[in-house]
């Protein structure tokens, strides 16, 4: 392997084809992994790919110097002979410079989570996520309190007469609240990541 852009592509020529993960070399060897992965738990309190329990790896929070601020570059030729090794300069800061630039760079985001297609900076998009999630959470909380009050006062009689499925409404409320918690967690972790990167750069 003589490239810095490796990618696990699966087995496209197999019968049937096997999809790849698109993960790179660094991922499989635990290099520069910032986040703890979120998988399905036995208690069912989270699902795969959900951000509700997303967090940064504690080793990076405890020691930001573990984060590489520069990118590997191919070693220069030795007496005209190409070298197929890569080096890292202690003073390199190209990675942290590019990360810092993301804060003011316009990025095209596709529609997701109640937001339409939008071009915005990361900070601006984070604000949009929190705004939408906060609105949904507020509506969900209001709905939950109203339904809970009615349910307490009328109990089974209300369910029989109106045909309202309170269990379903409560379940929907919990789903929306979890979505808000997941969105807030993404912003918290991103902020923690940038603070850790800045600490590494200043250290």
Protein backbone atom coordinates (compact mmCIF):
# COMPACT_ATOMS: atom_id res chain seq x y z
CA UNK A 1 0.00 0.00 0.00
CA UNK A 2 1.64 3.24 -1.12
CA UNK A 3 -1.30 5.60 -0.82
CA UNK A 4 -2.78 7.72 1.96
CA UNK A 5 -6.34 7.36 0.65
CA UNK A 6 -6.95 3.65 1.27
CA UNK A 7 -10.56 2.45 1.30
CA UNK A 8 -12.27 -0.83 2.16
CA UNK A 9 -14.52 -1.42 -0.85
CA UNK A 10 -15.78 -4.94 -0.08
CA UNK A 11 -16.00 -7.56 -2.82
CA UNK A 12 -17.78 -5.94 -5.78
CA UNK A 13 -16.96 -8.88 -8.09
CA UNK A 14 -18.40 -11.51 -5.74
CA UNK A 15 -21.70 -13.21 -6.51
CA UNK A 16 -23.66 -11.60 -4.98
CA UNK A 17 -21.47 -8.47 -4.51
CA UNK A 18 -20.51 -7.57 -0.95
CA UNK A 19 -20.73 -3.90 -0.10
CA UNK A 20 -17.71 -2.21 1.46
CA UNK A 21 -17.57 -0.06 4.59
CA UNK A 22 -15.45 2.66 2.92
CA UNK A 23 -13.32 2.61 6.08
CA UNK A 24 -9.64 3.33 5.63
CA UNK A 25 -6.41 1.85 6.94
CA UNK A 26 -6.33 4.17 9.94
CA UNK A 27 -9.75 3.03 11.14
CA UNK A 28 -8.86 -0.66 11.35
CA UNK A 29 -5.70 0.07 13.31
CA UNK A 30 -7.32 2.54 15.69
CA UNK A 31 -5.39 5.55 14.40
CA UNK A 32 -6.93 8.98 15.00
CA UNK A 33 -10.31 7.60 16.02
CA UNK A 34 -11.96 10.48 17.83
CA UNK A 35 -15.30 9.02 18.80
CA UNK A 36 -16.70 6.07 20.71
CA UNK A 37 -18.91 4.04 18.41
CA UNK A 38 -22.57 3.69 19.23
CA UNK A 39 -24.05 0.22 18.84
CA UNK A 40 -27.29 -1.49 19.78
CA UNK A 41 -27.49 -2.34 23.48
CA UNK A 42 -29.26 -5.22 25.21
CA UNK A 43 -31.56 -2.80 27.01
CA UNK A 44 -32.67 -1.22 23.73
CA UNK A 45 -31.94 2.34 24.87
CA UNK A 46 -30.10 3.18 21.65
CA UNK A 47 -29.77 2.06 18.06
CA UNK A 48 -26.89 1.72 15.66
CA UNK A 49 -25.80 4.99 14.02
CA UNK A 50 -27.74 7.05 16.58
CA UNK A 51 -25.92 10.04 18.06
CA UNK A 52 -27.79 10.04 21.37
CA UNK A 53 -24.86 8.43 23.25
CA UNK A 54 -22.08 9.81 21.05
CA UNK A 55 -18.90 10.77 22.90
CA UNK A 56 -15.21 11.49 22.36
CA UNK A 57 -12.66 8.91 23.40
CA UNK A 58 -11.48 9.62 26.94
CA UNK A 59 -7.81 9.12 26.00
CA UNK A 60 -7.97 12.21 23.76
CA UNK A 61 -9.77 14.29 26.36
CA UNK A 62 -7.14 13.36 28.93
CA UNK A 63 -4.18 13.85 26.59
CA UNK A 64 -4.83 16.12 23.55
CA UNK A 65 -1.18 15.66 22.51
CA UNK A 66 -2.20 12.28 21.10
CA UNK A 67 -3.92 14.11 18.24
CA UNK A 68 -1.80 14.56 15.14
CA UNK A 69 -1.90 18.16 13.91
CA UNK A 70 -0.14 17.44 10.64
CA UNK A 71 -0.53 15.06 7.73
CA UNK A 72 1.87 12.34 6.65
CA UNK A 73 3.91 13.19 3.55
CA UNK A 74 5.98 10.90 1.35
CA UNK A 75 9.66 10.85 2.20
CA UNK A 76 11.87 12.82 -0.21
CA UNK A 77 14.04 10.92 -2.73
CA UNK A 78 17.35 9.59 -1.46
CA UNK A 79 20.02 10.45 -4.06
CA UNK A 80 17.34 10.50 -6.71
CA UNK A 81 15.81 7.18 -5.61
CA UNK A 82 12.11 7.42 -4.64
CA UNK A 83 11.33 6.48 -1.05
CA UNK A 84 8.07 4.65 -0.36
CA UNK A 85 7.78 5.68 3.26
CA UNK A 86 5.88 8.50 4.90
CA UNK A 87 7.03 11.07 7.44
CA UNK A 88 5.44 13.42 9.90
CA UNK A 89 7.05 16.71 10.78
CA UNK A 90 6.76 17.75 14.47
CA UNK A 91 5.95 21.30 13.36
CA UNK A 92 3.29 20.33 10.80
CA UNK A 93 -0.11 21.88 11.45
CA UNK A 94 -1.90 21.49 8.12
CA UNK A 95 -4.64 19.27 9.58
CA UNK A 96 -5.56 21.65 12.39
CA UNK A 97 -5.45 24.55 9.93
CA UNK A 98 -7.95 22.84 7.63
CA UNK A 99 -10.18 21.93 10.58
CA UNK A 100 -10.17 25.52 11.78
CA UNK A 101 -11.14 26.69 8.29
CA UNK A 102 -14.25 24.51 8.39
CA UNK A 103 -15.82 26.94 10.82
CA UNK A 104 -16.08 29.61 8.11
CA UNK A 105 -16.42 27.44 5.00
CA UNK A 106 -19.78 27.04 3.26
CA UNK A 107 -20.81 23.39 3.02
CA UNK A 108 -23.73 21.93 1.05
CA UNK A 109 -25.92 19.86 3.38
CA UNK A 110 -28.63 17.62 1.94
CA UNK A 111 -32.10 17.56 3.45
CA UNK A 112 -32.24 15.60 6.71
CA UNK A 113 -33.96 15.63 10.09
CA UNK A 114 -36.57 18.22 9.20
CA UNK A 115 -34.06 20.57 7.54
CA UNK A 116 -34.11 21.19 3.81
CA UNK A 117 -31.12 21.46 1.49
CA UNK A 118 -28.92 24.22 2.84
CA UNK A 119 -25.49 25.75 2.30
CA UNK A 120 -24.01 26.88 5.58
CA UNK A 121 -20.96 26.80 7.81
CA UNK A 122 -20.67 24.03 10.40
CA UNK A 123 -21.49 26.50 13.15
CA UNK A 124 -24.50 27.81 11.26
CA UNK A 125 -25.79 24.33 10.50
CA UNK A 126 -25.33 23.32 14.13
CA UNK A 127 -27.49 26.29 15.09
CA UNK A 128 -30.15 25.20 12.59
CA UNK A 129 -30.16 21.67 14.05
CA UNK A 130 -30.57 22.96 17.59
CA UNK A 131 -33.29 25.40 16.56
CA UNK A 132 -35.38 22.73 14.83
CA UNK A 133 -34.75 20.16 17.54
CA UNK A 134 -35.58 22.64 20.30
CA UNK A 135 -38.86 23.54 18.59
CA UNK A 136 -39.81 19.88 18.20
CA UNK A 137 -38.80 19.11 21.77
CA UNK A 138 -40.87 22.02 23.08
CA UNK A 139 -43.90 20.87 21.11
CA UNK A 140 -43.34 17.31 22.24
CA UNK A 141 -43.04 18.36 25.87
CA UNK A 142 -46.21 20.42 25.65
CA UNK A 143 -48.06 17.54 24.01
CA UNK A 144 -46.77 15.11 26.60
CA UNK A 145 -47.90 17.27 29.52
CA UNK A 146 -51.34 17.82 28.00
CA UNK A 147 -51.89 14.16 27.24
CA UNK A 148 -50.59 13.11 30.64
CA UNK A 149 -52.93 15.53 32.43
CA UNK A 150 -55.94 14.32 30.47
CA UNK A 151 -54.94 10.70 30.95
CA UNK A 152 -54.64 11.17 34.71
CA UNK A 153 -58.06 12.84 34.95
CA UNK A 154 -60.09 10.64 32.64
CA UNK A 155 -57.95 7.49 32.41
CA UNK A 156 -59.58 4.66 30.48
CA UNK A 157 -62.90 6.46 30.01
CA UNK A 158 -61.29 9.07 27.74
CA UNK A 159 -59.55 6.42 25.66
CA UNK A 160 -62.81 4.52 25.13
CA UNK A 161 -64.86 7.58 24.19
CA UNK A 162 -62.42 9.49 21.97
CA UNK A 163 -60.47 6.65 20.41
CA UNK A 164 -57.17 8.42 21.11
CA UNK A 165 -54.25 5.97 21.38
CA UNK A 166 -52.39 7.56 24.30
CA UNK A 167 -49.71 4.90 24.27
CA UNK A 168 -48.86 5.75 20.67
CA UNK A 169 -48.82 9.49 21.36
CA UNK A 170 -46.53 9.02 24.35
CA UNK A 171 -44.24 6.80 22.29
CA UNK A 172 -44.02 9.46 19.55
CA UNK A 173 -43.22 12.09 22.16
CA UNK A 174 -40.35 10.01 23.52
CA UNK A 175 -38.96 9.49 19.99
CA UNK A 176 -38.92 13.25 19.35
CA UNK A 177 -37.32 13.96 22.71
CA UNK A 178 -34.60 11.38 21.97
CA UNK A 179 -33.97 13.02 18.58
CA UNK A 180 -33.46 16.36 20.32
CA UNK A 181 -31.08 14.74 22.82
CA UNK A 182 -29.12 13.16 19.97
CA UNK A 183 -28.82 16.49 18.14
CA UNK A 184 -27.68 18.25 21.27
CA UNK A 185 -25.16 15.49 21.90
CA UNK A 186 -23.65 15.95 18.42
CA UNK A 187 -23.08 19.65 19.09
CA UNK A 188 -21.61 18.95 22.55
CA UNK A 189 -19.20 16.36 21.19
CA UNK A 190 -18.20 18.58 18.26
CA UNK A 191 -17.48 21.43 20.66
CA UNK A 192 -15.45 19.07 22.86
CA UNK A 193 -13.50 17.90 19.80
CA UNK A 194 -12.60 21.42 18.71
CA UNK A 195 -11.57 22.36 22.27
CA UNK A 196 -9.37 19.27 22.43
CA UNK A 197 -7.84 20.05 19.03
CA UNK A 198 -7.13 23.62 20.09
CA UNK A 199 -5.55 22.36 23.32
CA UNK A 200 -3.34 20.02 21.28
CA UNK A 201 -2.33 22.86 18.97
CA UNK A 202 -1.51 25.21 21.87
CA UNK A 203 0.31 22.44 23.78
